Amino acid sequence: MELQVVYGTLYRRIPTMKLAIPPERIRFKHDMIVYGVHELPVSW
């Protein structure tokens, strides 16, 4: 829930923010209790 708020706020404040790599290169965590990504490179 917190990350949804953070990402939404970032998108509004930095509208030019975009992924710095193709989406298919994003590595997801599948071995943890909390699902997510290892890193999320962005540029603006």
PDB file of N, CA and C in Angstrom:
ATOM      1  N   MET A   1       0.822  -1.187   0.000  1.00  0.00           N
ATOM      2  CA  MET A   1       0.000   0.000   0.000  1.00  0.00           C
ATOM      3  C   MET A   1       0.870   1.256   0.000  1.00  0.00           C
ATOM      4  N   GLU A   2       1.911   1.263   0.807  1.00  0.00           N
ATOM      5  CA  GLU A   2       2.764   2.449   0.889  1.00  0.00           C
ATOM      6  C   GLU A   2       3.437   2.752  -0.442  1.00  0.00           C
ATOM      7  N   LEU A   3       3.906   1.705  -1.120  1.00  0.00           N
ATOM      8  CA  LEU A   3       4.567   1.937  -2.405  1.00  0.00           C
ATOM      9  C   LEU A   3       3.597   2.455  -3.450  1.00  0.00           C
ATOM     10  N   GLN A   4       2.351   2.053  -3.399  1.00  0.00           N
ATOM     11  CA  GLN A   4       1.366   2.587  -4.339  1.00  0.00           C
ATOM     12  C   GLN A   4       1.232   4.094  -4.159  1.00  0.00           C
ATOM     13  N   VAL A   5       1.221   4.554  -2.918  1.00  0.00           N
ATOM     14  CA  VAL A   5       1.134   5.988  -2.638  1.00  0.00           C
ATOM     15  C   VAL A   5       2.410   6.685  -3.107  1.00  0.00           C
ATOM     16  N   VAL A   6       3.562   6.103  -2.794  1.00  0.00           N
ATOM     17  CA  VAL A   6       4.845   6.705  -3.182  1.00  0.00           C
ATOM     18  C   VAL A   6       4.947   6.819  -4.696  1.00  0.00           C
ATOM     19  N   TYR A   7       4.675   5.739  -5.415  1.00  0.00           N
ATOM     20  CA  TYR A   7       4.793   5.772  -6.876  1.00  0.00           C
ATOM     21  C   TYR A   7       3.806   6.764  -7.481  1.00  0.00           C
ATOM     22  N   GLY A   8       2.583   6.790  -6.998  1.00  0.00           N
ATOM     23  CA  GLY A   8       1.601   7.749  -7.498  1.00  0.00           C
ATOM     24  C   GLY A   8       2.054   9.186  -7.285  1.00  0.00           C
ATOM     25  N   THR A   9       2.617   9.465  -6.122  1.00  0.00           N
ATOM     26  CA  THR A   9       3.109  10.806  -5.820  1.00  0.00           C
ATOM     27  C   THR A   9       4.294  11.158  -6.711  1.00  0.00           C
ATOM     28  N   LEU A  10       5.211  10.218  -6.895  1.00  0.00           N
ATOM     29  CA  LEU A  10       6.362  10.476  -7.768  1.00  0.00           C
ATOM     30  C   LEU A  10       5.916  10.767  -9.192  1.00  0.00           C
ATOM     31  N   TYR A  11       4.970  10.005  -9.702  1.00  0.00           N
ATOM     32  CA  TYR A  11       4.488  10.213 -11.072  1.00  0.00           C
ATOM     33  C   TYR A  11       3.863  11.596 -11.229  1.00  0.00           C
ATOM     34  N   ARG A  12       3.163  12.065 -10.223  1.00  0.00           N
ATOM     35  CA  ARG A  12       2.561  13.402 -10.296  1.00  0.00           C
ATOM     36  C   ARG A  12       3.621  14.500 -10.199  1.00  0.00           C
ATOM     37  N   ARG A  13       4.626  14.296  -9.360  1.00  0.00           N
ATOM     38  CA  ARG A  13       5.649  15.327  -9.161  1.00  0.00           C
ATOM     39  C   ARG A  13       6.715  15.317 -10.243  1.00  0.00           C
ATOM     40  N   ILE A  14       6.980  14.148 -10.825  1.00  0.00           N
ATOM     41  CA  ILE A  14       7.985  14.028 -11.885  1.00  0.00           C
ATOM     42  C   ILE A  14       7.312  13.333 -13.074  1.00  0.00           C
ATOM     43  N   PRO A  15       6.509  14.070 -13.841  1.00  0.00           N
ATOM     44  CA  PRO A  15       5.736  13.441 -14.915  1.00  0.00           C
ATOM     45  C   PRO A  15       6.585  12.845 -16.035  1.00  0.00           C
ATOM     46  N   THR A  16       7.851  13.234 -16.135  1.00  0.00           N
ATOM     47  CA  THR A  16       8.713  12.683 -17.182  1.00  0.00           C
ATOM     48  C   THR A  16       9.421  11.394 -16.746  1.00  0.00           C
ATOM     49  N   MET A  17       9.174  10.943 -15.513  1.00  0.00           N
ATOM     50  CA  MET A  17       9.822   9.736 -15.019  1.00  0.00           C
ATOM     51  C   MET A  17       9.371   8.525 -15.830  1.00  0.00           C
ATOM     52  N   LYS A  18      10.341   7.680 -16.206  1.00  0.00           N
ATOM     53  CA  LYS A  18      10.036   6.474 -16.974  1.00  0.00           C
ATOM     54  C   LYS A  18      11.064   5.400 -16.641  1.00  0.00           C
ATOM     55  N   LEU A  19      10.756   4.177 -17.019  1.00  0.00           N
ATOM     56  CA  LEU A  19      11.703   3.085 -16.807  1.00  0.00           C
ATOM     57  C   LEU A  19      12.974   3.333 -17.603  1.00  0.00           C
ATOM     58  N   ALA A  20      14.112   3.029 -17.008  1.00  0.00           N
ATOM     59  CA  ALA A  20      15.395   3.205 -17.678  1.00  0.00           C
ATOM     60  C   ALA A  20      15.812   1.949 -18.426  1.00  0.00           C
ATOM     61  N   ILE A  21      15.092   0.868 -18.243  1.00  0.00           N
ATOM     62  CA  ILE A  21      15.372  -0.389 -18.928  1.00  0.00           C
ATOM     63  C   ILE A  21      14.059  -0.935 -19.488  1.00  0.00           C
ATOM     64  N   PRO A  22      14.121  -1.842 -20.462  1.00  0.00           N
ATOM     65  CA  PRO A  22      12.882  -2.444 -20.952  1.00  0.00           C
ATOM     66  C   PRO A  22      12.187  -3.227 -19.833  1.00  0.00           C
ATOM     67  N   PRO A  23      10.860  -3.216 -19.796  1.00  0.00           N
ATOM     68  CA  PRO A  23      10.130  -3.904 -18.723  1.00  0.00           C
ATOM     69  C   PRO A  23      10.484  -5.387 -18.587  1.00  0.00           C
ATOM     70  N   GLU A  24      10.823  -6.038 -19.673  1.00  0.00           N
ATOM     71  CA  GLU A  24      11.140  -7.473 -19.591  1.00  0.00           C
ATOM     72  C   GLU A  24      12.461  -7.743 -18.879  1.00  0.00           C
ATOM     73  N   ARG A  25      13.272  -6.732 -18.631  1.00  0.00           N
ATOM     74  CA  ARG A  25      14.535  -6.913 -17.904  1.00  0.00           C
ATOM     75  C   ARG A  25      14.386  -6.712 -16.402  1.00  0.00           C
ATOM     76  N   ILE A  26      13.208  -6.333 -15.930  1.00  0.00           N
ATOM     77  CA  ILE A  26      12.997  -6.131 -14.491  1.00  0.00           C
ATOM     78  C   ILE A  26      12.962  -7.490 -13.803  1.00  0.00           C
ATOM     79  N   ARG A  27      13.799  -7.658 -12.792  1.00  0.00           N
ATOM     80  CA  ARG A  27      13.870  -8.922 -12.054  1.00  0.00           C
ATOM     81  C   ARG A  27      12.959  -8.861 -10.839  1.00  0.00           C
ATOM     82  N   PHE A  28      12.100  -9.843 -10.727  1.00  0.00           N
ATOM     83  CA  PHE A  28      11.148  -9.894  -9.617  1.00  0.00           C
ATOM     84  C   PHE A  28      11.629 -10.840  -8.531  1.00  0.00           C
ATOM     85  N   LYS A  29      11.284 -10.523  -7.302  1.00  0.00           N
ATOM     86  CA  LYS A  29      11.588 -11.384  -6.156  1.00  0.00           C
ATOM     87  C   LYS A  29      10.479 -12.424  -6.049  1.00  0.00           C
ATOM     88  N   HIS A  30      10.833 -13.664  -6.168  1.00  0.00           N
ATOM     89  CA  HIS A  30       9.863 -14.737  -6.026  1.00  0.00           C
ATOM     90  C   HIS A  30      10.150 -15.598  -4.796  1.00  0.00           C
ATOM     91  N   ASP A  31      11.279 -15.350  -4.154  1.00  0.00           N
ATOM     92  CA  ASP A  31      11.706 -16.193  -3.046  1.00  0.00           C
ATOM     93  C   ASP A  31      11.460 -15.557  -1.674  1.00  0.00           C
ATOM     94  N   MET A  32      10.755 -14.466  -1.637  1.00  0.00           N
ATOM     95  CA  MET A  32      10.545 -13.768  -0.382  1.00  0.00           C
ATOM     96  C   MET A  32       9.070 -13.840   0.014  1.00  0.00           C
ATOM     97  N   ILE A  33       8.790 -13.486   1.226  1.00  0.00           N
ATOM     98  CA  ILE A  33       7.402 -13.411   1.686  1.00  0.00           C
ATOM     99  C   ILE A  33       6.705 -12.238   1.002  1.00  0.00           C
ATOM    100  N   VAL A  34       7.460 -11.136   0.825  1.00  0.00           N
ATOM    101  CA  VAL A  34       6.919  -9.941   0.183  1.00  0.00           C
ATOM    102  C   VAL A  34       7.320  -9.966  -1.284  1.00  0.00           C
ATOM    103  N   TYR A  35       6.339  -9.917  -2.172  1.00  0.00           N
ATOM    104  CA  TYR A  35       6.591  -9.913  -3.609  1.00  0.00           C
ATOM    105  C   TYR A  35       7.006  -8.518  -4.047  1.00  0.00           C
ATOM    106  N   GLY A  36       7.969  -8.404  -4.952  1.00  0.00           N
ATOM    107  CA  GLY A  36       8.398  -7.100  -5.435  1.00  0.00           C
ATOM    108  C   GLY A  36       9.509  -7.246  -6.452  1.00  0.00           C
ATOM    109  N   VAL A  37      10.237  -6.167  -6.669  1.00  0.00           N
ATOM    110  CA  VAL A  37      11.344  -6.177  -7.615  1.00  0.00           C
ATOM    111  C   VAL A  37      12.654  -5.996  -6.857  1.00  0.00           C
ATOM    112  N   HIS A  38      13.742  -6.487  -7.464  1.00  0.00           N
ATOM    113  CA  HIS A  38      15.060  -6.302  -6.858  1.00  0.00           C
ATOM    114  C   HIS A  38      15.488  -4.838  -6.946  1.00  0.00           C
ATOM    115  N   GLU A  39      15.255  -4.233  -8.101  1.00  0.00           N
ATOM    116  CA  GLU A  39      15.536  -2.816  -8.296  1.00  0.00           C
ATOM    117  C   GLU A  39      14.646  -2.301  -9.418  1.00  0.00           C
ATOM    118  N   LEU A  40      14.437  -0.998  -9.449  1.00  0.00           N
ATOM    119  CA  LEU A  40      13.582  -0.404 -10.456  1.00  0.00           C
ATOM    120  C   LEU A  40      14.269   0.850 -10.997  1.00  0.00           C
ATOM    121  N   PRO A  41      15.148   0.663 -11.998  1.00  0.00           N
ATOM    122  CA  PRO A  41      15.877   1.808 -12.550  1.00  0.00           C
ATOM    123  C   PRO A  41      14.936   2.733 -13.326  1.00  0.00           C
ATOM    124  N   VAL A  42      14.997   4.016 -13.004  1.00  0.00           N
ATOM    125  CA  VAL A  42      14.178   5.006 -13.685  1.00  0.00           C
ATOM    126  C   VAL A  42      15.040   6.175 -14.130  1.00  0.00           C
ATOM    127  N   SER A  43      14.516   6.935 -15.068  1.00  0.00           N
ATOM    128  CA  SER A  43      15.173   8.182 -15.507  1.00  0.00           C
ATOM    129  C   SER A  43      14.102   9.248 -15.607  1.00  0.00           C
ATOM    130  N   TRP A  44      14.525  10.506 -15.640  1.00  0.00           N
ATOM    131  CA  TRP A  44      13.568  11.595 -15.814  1.00  0.00           C
ATOM    132  C   TRP A  44      14.224  12.765 -16.501  1.00  0.00           C
TER     133      TRP A  44
END
